[in-house]
Amino acid sequence: MGFRVINGQAYPIGNFQLPEQNINYKSNSKTNFNDILQNEINKNDEGYTLSKHAASRLKEINFTEADMKEIGKGFKIAEEKGSKNSVMIYKDVALVASIENKTLITAIEKERAKENVFTNVDSVVIL
């Protein structure tokens, strides 16, 4: 009688069985997928996402929910015109956005924007 080594344990060849592994699969995986899908759909309803950098800058500037809706309008305007990357001017803030990815990349206040150059931009939206 021979033996076979599986995962460091010897098993007789005649009674060859794989050892049971304790793998915890979530039984409600369909629910988790639906939750993720619903979140993605809701994200698209909002119109755009914020990068971590843009979120921290906008927090410093104290943008309100109404301001965020205005920025969403800017995304729609730029998308209708076929823009890929845009600078949006809103109040005294320049917002650099990827229209293709529907992502707000950064926000720069007027004082910080002096002597800066924005590259790889194909449009400017003034809100």
N, C-alpha and C. Protein backbone atom coordinates (compact mmCIF):
# COMPACT_ATOMS: atom_id res chain seq x y z
N MET A 1 0.84 -1.16 0.00
CA MET A 1 0.00 0.00 0.00
C MET A 1 0.89 1.23 0.00
N GLY A 2 0.57 2.19 -0.87
CA GLY A 2 1.35 3.39 -0.97
C GLY A 2 0.63 4.58 -0.33
N PHE A 3 1.37 5.64 -0.20
CA PHE A 3 0.81 6.86 0.38
C PHE A 3 1.03 8.03 -0.58
N ARG A 4 0.16 8.96 -0.47
CA ARG A 4 0.27 10.18 -1.25
C ARG A 4 0.26 11.35 -0.26
N VAL A 5 1.16 12.31 -0.44
CA VAL A 5 1.25 13.46 0.46
C VAL A 5 0.50 14.63 -0.18
N ILE A 6 -0.49 15.15 0.56
CA ILE A 6 -1.27 16.29 0.11
C ILE A 6 -1.26 17.31 1.23
N ASN A 7 -0.78 18.49 0.90
CA ASN A 7 -0.68 19.58 1.87
C ASN A 7 0.03 19.16 3.16
N GLY A 8 1.08 18.38 2.99
CA GLY A 8 1.89 18.00 4.14
C GLY A 8 1.34 16.83 4.94
N GLN A 9 0.25 16.21 4.51
CA GLN A 9 -0.32 15.07 5.22
C GLN A 9 -0.29 13.85 4.31
N ALA A 10 -0.02 12.69 4.89
CA ALA A 10 0.04 11.44 4.14
C ALA A 10 -1.33 10.79 4.12
N TYR A 11 -1.74 10.35 2.93
CA TYR A 11 -3.02 9.66 2.76
C TYR A 11 -2.76 8.35 2.04
N PRO A 12 -3.42 7.26 2.48
CA PRO A 12 -3.24 5.99 1.77
C PRO A 12 -3.83 6.09 0.37
N ILE A 13 -3.18 5.47 -0.60
CA ILE A 13 -3.64 5.55 -1.98
C ILE A 13 -5.00 4.87 -2.14
N GLY A 14 -5.24 3.79 -1.46
CA GLY A 14 -6.51 3.07 -1.60
C GLY A 14 -7.70 3.91 -1.14
N ASN A 15 -7.55 4.71 -0.13
CA ASN A 15 -8.64 5.53 0.39
C ASN A 15 -8.38 7.01 0.11
N PHE A 16 -8.03 7.29 -1.10
CA PHE A 16 -7.63 8.65 -1.47
C PHE A 16 -8.83 9.59 -1.41
N GLN A 17 -8.75 10.54 -0.52
CA GLN A 17 -9.76 11.59 -0.41
C GLN A 17 -9.05 12.90 -0.15
N LEU A 18 -9.56 13.94 -0.74
CA LEU A 18 -8.99 15.25 -0.48
C LEU A 18 -9.41 15.70 0.92
N PRO A 19 -8.50 16.33 1.64
CA PRO A 19 -8.89 16.83 2.95
C PRO A 19 -9.90 17.96 2.82
N GLU A 20 -10.81 18.01 3.77
CA GLU A 20 -11.79 19.09 3.75
C GLU A 20 -11.11 20.38 4.17
N GLN A 21 -11.37 21.40 3.41
CA GLN A 21 -10.79 22.69 3.73
C GLN A 21 -11.88 23.60 4.28
N ASN A 22 -11.51 24.38 5.23
CA ASN A 22 -12.47 25.32 5.82
C ASN A 22 -12.44 26.63 5.06
N ILE A 23 -13.14 26.66 3.95
CA ILE A 23 -13.23 27.88 3.17
C ILE A 23 -14.60 28.49 3.45
N ASN A 24 -14.59 29.71 3.89
CA ASN A 24 -15.85 30.38 4.21
C ASN A 24 -16.34 31.18 3.02
N TYR A 25 -17.28 30.61 2.31
CA TYR A 25 -17.92 31.34 1.23
C TYR A 25 -19.18 31.98 1.79
N LYS A 26 -19.41 33.18 1.39
CA LYS A 26 -20.62 33.85 1.86
C LYS A 26 -21.81 33.30 1.07
N SER A 27 -22.80 32.87 1.79
CA SER A 27 -23.96 32.29 1.13
C SER A 27 -24.82 33.36 0.45
N ASN A 28 -24.66 34.59 0.86
CA ASN A 28 -25.47 35.65 0.28
C ASN A 28 -24.65 36.47 -0.72
N SER A 29 -23.84 35.78 -1.54
CA SER A 29 -22.98 36.48 -2.49
C SER A 29 -23.79 37.25 -3.53
N LYS A 30 -24.99 36.75 -3.86
CA LYS A 30 -25.82 37.48 -4.81
C LYS A 30 -26.25 38.82 -4.22
N THR A 31 -26.55 38.83 -2.95
CA THR A 31 -26.93 40.08 -2.30
C THR A 31 -25.77 41.06 -2.32
N ASN A 32 -24.56 40.58 -2.04
CA ASN A 32 -23.40 41.46 -2.06
C ASN A 32 -23.17 42.03 -3.45
N PHE A 33 -23.30 41.21 -4.47
CA PHE A 33 -23.12 41.69 -5.83
C PHE A 33 -24.17 42.74 -6.15
N ASN A 34 -25.41 42.48 -5.76
CA ASN A 34 -26.48 43.45 -6.01
C ASN A 34 -26.22 44.76 -5.30
N ASP A 35 -25.69 44.69 -4.09
CA ASP A 35 -25.36 45.92 -3.36
C ASP A 35 -24.29 46.72 -4.10
N ILE A 36 -23.27 46.02 -4.58
CA ILE A 36 -22.20 46.69 -5.31
C ILE A 36 -22.74 47.29 -6.61
N LEU A 37 -23.55 46.53 -7.30
CA LEU A 37 -24.13 47.02 -8.54
C LEU A 37 -25.00 48.24 -8.28
N GLN A 38 -25.80 48.20 -7.22
CA GLN A 38 -26.66 49.33 -6.90
C GLN A 38 -25.85 50.57 -6.55
N ASN A 39 -24.73 50.38 -5.84
CA ASN A 39 -23.86 51.50 -5.52
C ASN A 39 -23.28 52.13 -6.78
N GLU A 40 -22.89 51.30 -7.75
CA GLU A 40 -22.35 51.82 -9.00
C GLU A 40 -23.42 52.58 -9.78
N ILE A 41 -24.63 52.06 -9.77
CA ILE A 41 -25.73 52.75 -10.47
C ILE A 41 -26.00 54.09 -9.80
N ASN A 42 -26.01 54.11 -8.47
CA ASN A 42 -26.25 55.35 -7.75
C ASN A 42 -25.13 56.35 -7.99
N LYS A 43 -23.89 55.85 -8.10
CA LYS A 43 -22.76 56.73 -8.36
C LYS A 43 -22.94 57.41 -9.71
N ASN A 44 -23.43 56.66 -10.70
CA ASN A 44 -23.65 57.24 -12.01
C ASN A 44 -24.79 58.23 -12.00
N ASP A 45 -25.79 58.04 -11.12
CA ASP A 45 -26.89 58.99 -11.00
C ASP A 45 -26.38 60.33 -10.48
N GLU A 46 -25.40 60.29 -9.59
CA GLU A 46 -24.85 61.53 -9.05
C GLU A 46 -24.11 62.29 -10.13
N GLY A 47 -23.57 61.61 -11.09
CA GLY A 47 -22.92 62.27 -12.21
C GLY A 47 -21.41 62.22 -12.18
N TYR A 48 -20.80 62.23 -11.02
CA TYR A 48 -19.34 62.22 -10.97
C TYR A 48 -18.86 61.76 -9.60
N THR A 49 -17.57 61.43 -9.54
CA THR A 49 -16.95 61.04 -8.27
C THR A 49 -15.84 62.04 -7.95
N LEU A 50 -15.43 62.04 -6.71
CA LEU A 50 -14.35 62.91 -6.26
C LEU A 50 -13.11 62.08 -5.98
N SER A 51 -11.97 62.55 -6.45
CA SER A 51 -10.73 61.90 -6.04
C SER A 51 -10.47 62.27 -4.58
N LYS A 52 -9.59 61.53 -3.95
CA LYS A 52 -9.27 61.80 -2.55
C LYS A 52 -8.70 63.22 -2.40
N HIS A 53 -7.87 63.60 -3.34
CA HIS A 53 -7.25 64.93 -3.31
C HIS A 53 -8.30 66.02 -3.45
N ALA A 54 -9.22 65.84 -4.40
CA ALA A 54 -10.27 66.84 -4.61
C ALA A 54 -11.19 66.92 -3.40
N ALA A 55 -11.49 65.79 -2.79
CA ALA A 55 -12.37 65.79 -1.62
C ALA A 55 -11.75 66.58 -0.47
N SER A 56 -10.45 66.40 -0.26
CA SER A 56 -9.80 67.15 0.83
C SER A 56 -9.75 68.64 0.53
N ARG A 57 -9.49 69.00 -0.73
CA ARG A 57 -9.45 70.42 -1.10
C ARG A 57 -10.83 71.06 -0.98
N LEU A 58 -11.87 70.37 -1.44
CA LEU A 58 -13.22 70.91 -1.36
C LEU A 58 -13.69 71.05 0.08
N LYS A 59 -13.19 70.15 0.93
CA LYS A 59 -13.52 70.24 2.36
C LYS A 59 -12.92 71.51 2.95
N GLU A 60 -11.70 71.83 2.55
CA GLU A 60 -11.04 73.05 3.02
C GLU A 60 -11.77 74.29 2.53
N ILE A 61 -12.29 74.23 1.31
CA ILE A 61 -12.96 75.38 0.70
C ILE A 61 -14.39 75.52 1.21
N ASN A 62 -14.92 74.47 1.85
CA ASN A 62 -16.29 74.46 2.40
C ASN A 62 -17.35 74.52 1.32
N PHE A 63 -17.27 73.64 0.35
CA PHE A 63 -18.31 73.55 -0.67
C PHE A 63 -19.56 72.91 -0.07
N THR A 64 -20.71 73.38 -0.50
CA THR A 64 -21.99 72.85 -0.01
C THR A 64 -22.54 71.85 -1.02
N GLU A 65 -23.66 71.24 -0.66
CA GLU A 65 -24.32 70.30 -1.55
C GLU A 65 -24.80 71.00 -2.83
N ALA A 66 -25.25 72.24 -2.68
CA ALA A 66 -25.69 73.02 -3.86
C ALA A 66 -24.52 73.28 -4.80
N ASP A 67 -23.34 73.55 -4.23
CA ASP A 67 -22.15 73.74 -5.06
C ASP A 67 -21.81 72.46 -5.82
N MET A 68 -21.96 71.33 -5.16
CA MET A 68 -21.65 70.05 -5.80
C MET A 68 -22.61 69.78 -6.95
N LYS A 69 -23.87 70.18 -6.81
CA LYS A 69 -24.83 70.01 -7.90
C LYS A 69 -24.47 70.88 -9.09
N GLU A 70 -23.98 72.09 -8.82
CA GLU A 70 -23.54 72.97 -9.91
C GLU A 70 -22.37 72.37 -10.66
N ILE A 71 -21.46 71.75 -9.94
CA ILE A 71 -20.32 71.08 -10.57
C ILE A 71 -20.82 69.94 -11.45
N GLY A 72 -21.84 69.21 -10.96
CA GLY A 72 -22.44 68.14 -11.76
C GLY A 72 -22.99 68.67 -13.07
N LYS A 73 -23.57 69.87 -13.04
CA LYS A 73 -24.07 70.49 -14.27
C LYS A 73 -22.91 70.77 -15.22
N GLY A 74 -21.77 71.19 -14.67
CA GLY A 74 -20.59 71.44 -15.48
C GLY A 74 -20.11 70.17 -16.18
N PHE A 75 -20.16 69.03 -15.49
CA PHE A 75 -19.80 67.75 -16.10
C PHE A 75 -20.71 67.45 -17.28
N LYS A 76 -22.02 67.69 -17.09
CA LYS A 76 -22.97 67.41 -18.17
C LYS A 76 -22.73 68.30 -19.38
N ILE A 77 -22.47 69.58 -19.13
CA ILE A 77 -22.19 70.52 -20.23
C ILE A 77 -20.96 70.08 -21.01
N ALA A 78 -19.89 69.76 -20.29
CA ALA A 78 -18.64 69.36 -20.94
C ALA A 78 -18.82 68.04 -21.71
N GLU A 79 -19.57 67.12 -21.14
CA GLU A 79 -19.80 65.84 -21.81
C GLU A 79 -20.60 66.02 -23.10
N GLU A 80 -21.59 66.90 -23.07
CA GLU A 80 -22.39 67.17 -24.27
C GLU A 80 -21.55 67.75 -25.40
N LYS A 81 -20.52 68.50 -25.05
CA LYS A 81 -19.64 69.11 -26.05
C LYS A 81 -18.51 68.18 -26.50
N GLY A 82 -18.42 67.00 -25.90
CA GLY A 82 -17.40 66.04 -26.30
C GLY A 82 -16.06 66.21 -25.63
N SER A 83 -16.02 66.89 -24.51
CA SER A 83 -14.76 67.11 -23.79
C SER A 83 -14.27 65.82 -23.15
N LYS A 84 -12.96 65.74 -23.00
CA LYS A 84 -12.36 64.60 -22.31
C LYS A 84 -11.80 65.02 -20.96
N ASN A 85 -11.04 66.12 -20.95
CA ASN A 85 -10.48 66.68 -19.72
C ASN A 85 -10.78 68.17 -19.72
N SER A 86 -11.23 68.67 -18.59
CA SER A 86 -11.71 70.04 -18.56
C SER A 86 -11.29 70.75 -17.28
N VAL A 87 -11.21 72.07 -17.38
CA VAL A 87 -11.08 72.92 -16.21
C VAL A 87 -12.41 73.64 -16.07
N MET A 88 -13.00 73.52 -14.89
CA MET A 88 -14.25 74.22 -14.62
C MET A 88 -13.96 75.37 -13.66
N ILE A 89 -14.45 76.54 -14.01
CA ILE A 89 -14.29 77.70 -13.15
C ILE A 89 -15.61 77.90 -12.42
N TYR A 90 -15.59 77.78 -11.11
CA TYR A 90 -16.79 77.95 -10.30
C TYR A 90 -16.42 78.82 -9.10
N LYS A 91 -17.12 79.94 -8.96
CA LYS A 91 -16.80 80.95 -7.95
C LYS A 91 -15.35 81.36 -8.14
N ASP A 92 -14.51 81.25 -7.13
CA ASP A 92 -13.09 81.58 -7.26
C ASP A 92 -12.22 80.33 -7.22
N VAL A 93 -12.76 79.24 -7.77
CA VAL A 93 -12.07 77.95 -7.70
C VAL A 93 -11.97 77.36 -9.11
N ALA A 94 -10.79 76.85 -9.44
CA ALA A 94 -10.59 76.12 -10.69
C ALA A 94 -10.66 74.63 -10.35
N LEU A 95 -11.52 73.92 -11.06
CA LEU A 95 -11.71 72.49 -10.82
C LEU A 95 -11.21 71.72 -12.04
N VAL A 96 -10.23 70.86 -11.85
CA VAL A 96 -9.71 70.04 -12.93
C VAL A 96 -10.47 68.72 -12.90
N ALA A 97 -11.05 68.35 -14.06
CA ALA A 97 -11.92 67.18 -14.11
C ALA A 97 -11.63 66.31 -15.31
N SER A 98 -11.74 65.01 -15.11
CA SER A 98 -11.71 64.06 -16.21
C SER A 98 -13.16 63.76 -16.56
N ILE A 99 -13.59 64.27 -17.68
CA ILE A 99 -14.98 64.10 -18.10
C ILE A 99 -15.22 62.66 -18.51
N GLU A 100 -14.23 62.04 -19.16
CA GLU A 100 -14.35 60.64 -19.58
C GLU A 100 -14.62 59.72 -18.39
N ASN A 101 -13.87 59.92 -17.30
CA ASN A 101 -13.99 59.06 -16.12
C ASN A 101 -15.00 59.58 -15.11
N LYS A 102 -15.59 60.74 -15.40
CA LYS A 102 -16.55 61.39 -14.49
C LYS A 102 -15.95 61.53 -13.09
N THR A 103 -14.72 62.09 -13.07
CA THR A 103 -14.00 62.25 -11.81
C THR A 103 -13.48 63.67 -11.68
N LEU A 104 -13.71 64.26 -10.53
CA LEU A 104 -13.14 65.56 -10.21
C LEU A 104 -11.76 65.30 -9.62
N ILE A 105 -10.72 65.76 -10.30
CA ILE A 105 -9.35 65.42 -9.92
C ILE A 105 -8.83 66.31 -8.81
N THR A 106 -8.99 67.62 -8.96
CA THR A 106 -8.51 68.53 -7.93
C THR A 106 -9.26 69.85 -8.00
N ALA A 107 -9.13 70.62 -6.94
CA ALA A 107 -9.72 71.95 -6.86
C ALA A 107 -8.63 72.91 -6.41
N ILE A 108 -8.52 74.05 -7.09
CA ILE A 108 -7.47 75.01 -6.78
C ILE A 108 -8.11 76.39 -6.59
N GLU A 109 -7.87 76.99 -5.43
CA GLU A 109 -8.40 78.33 -5.17
C GLU A 109 -7.64 79.36 -5.98
N LYS A 110 -8.26 80.52 -6.13
CA LYS A 110 -7.70 81.59 -6.98
C LYS A 110 -6.28 81.95 -6.56
N GLU A 111 -6.03 82.09 -5.27
CA GLU A 111 -4.69 82.48 -4.80
C GLU A 111 -3.66 81.41 -5.12
N ARG A 112 -4.02 80.15 -5.00
CA ARG A 112 -3.10 79.06 -5.28
C ARG A 112 -2.89 78.87 -6.78
N ALA A 113 -3.86 79.28 -7.58
CA ALA A 113 -3.81 79.03 -9.03
C ALA A 113 -2.91 80.00 -9.77
N LYS A 114 -2.46 81.06 -9.10
CA LYS A 114 -1.61 82.03 -9.78
C LYS A 114 -0.32 81.36 -10.25
N GLU A 115 0.08 81.68 -11.47
CA GLU A 115 1.29 81.17 -12.11
C GLU A 115 1.29 79.64 -12.25
N ASN A 116 0.11 79.02 -12.26
CA ASN A 116 0.01 77.59 -12.55
C ASN A 116 -0.38 77.39 -14.00
N VAL A 117 0.02 76.26 -14.55
CA VAL A 117 -0.32 75.91 -15.91
C VAL A 117 -1.13 74.62 -15.86
N PHE A 118 -2.27 74.61 -16.54
CA PHE A 118 -3.09 73.42 -16.64
C PHE A 118 -2.80 72.77 -17.99
N THR A 119 -2.31 71.53 -17.97
CA THR A 119 -1.98 70.84 -19.22
C THR A 119 -2.98 69.71 -19.45
N ASN A 120 -2.96 69.19 -20.68
CA ASN A 120 -3.83 68.09 -21.08
C ASN A 120 -5.31 68.40 -20.85
N VAL A 121 -5.69 69.62 -21.12
CA VAL A 121 -7.06 70.05 -20.97
C VAL A 121 -7.59 70.45 -22.34
N ASP A 122 -8.77 69.98 -22.69
CA ASP A 122 -9.32 70.33 -24.00
C ASP A 122 -10.51 71.28 -23.93
N SER A 123 -10.90 71.67 -22.72
CA SER A 123 -12.02 72.61 -22.61
C SER A 123 -12.00 73.32 -21.27
N VAL A 124 -12.70 74.46 -21.25
CA VAL A 124 -12.91 75.21 -20.02
C VAL A 124 -14.40 75.47 -19.90
N VAL A 125 -14.95 75.15 -18.74
CA VAL A 125 -16.37 75.38 -18.47
C VAL A 125 -16.46 76.44 -17.39
N ILE A 126 -17.16 77.51 -17.68
CA ILE A 126 -17.33 78.57 -16.70
C ILE A 126 -18.73 78.47 -16.13
N LEU A 127 -18.82 78.22 -14.85
CA LEU A 127 -20.12 78.05 -14.17
C LEU A 127 -20.51 79.29 -13.41
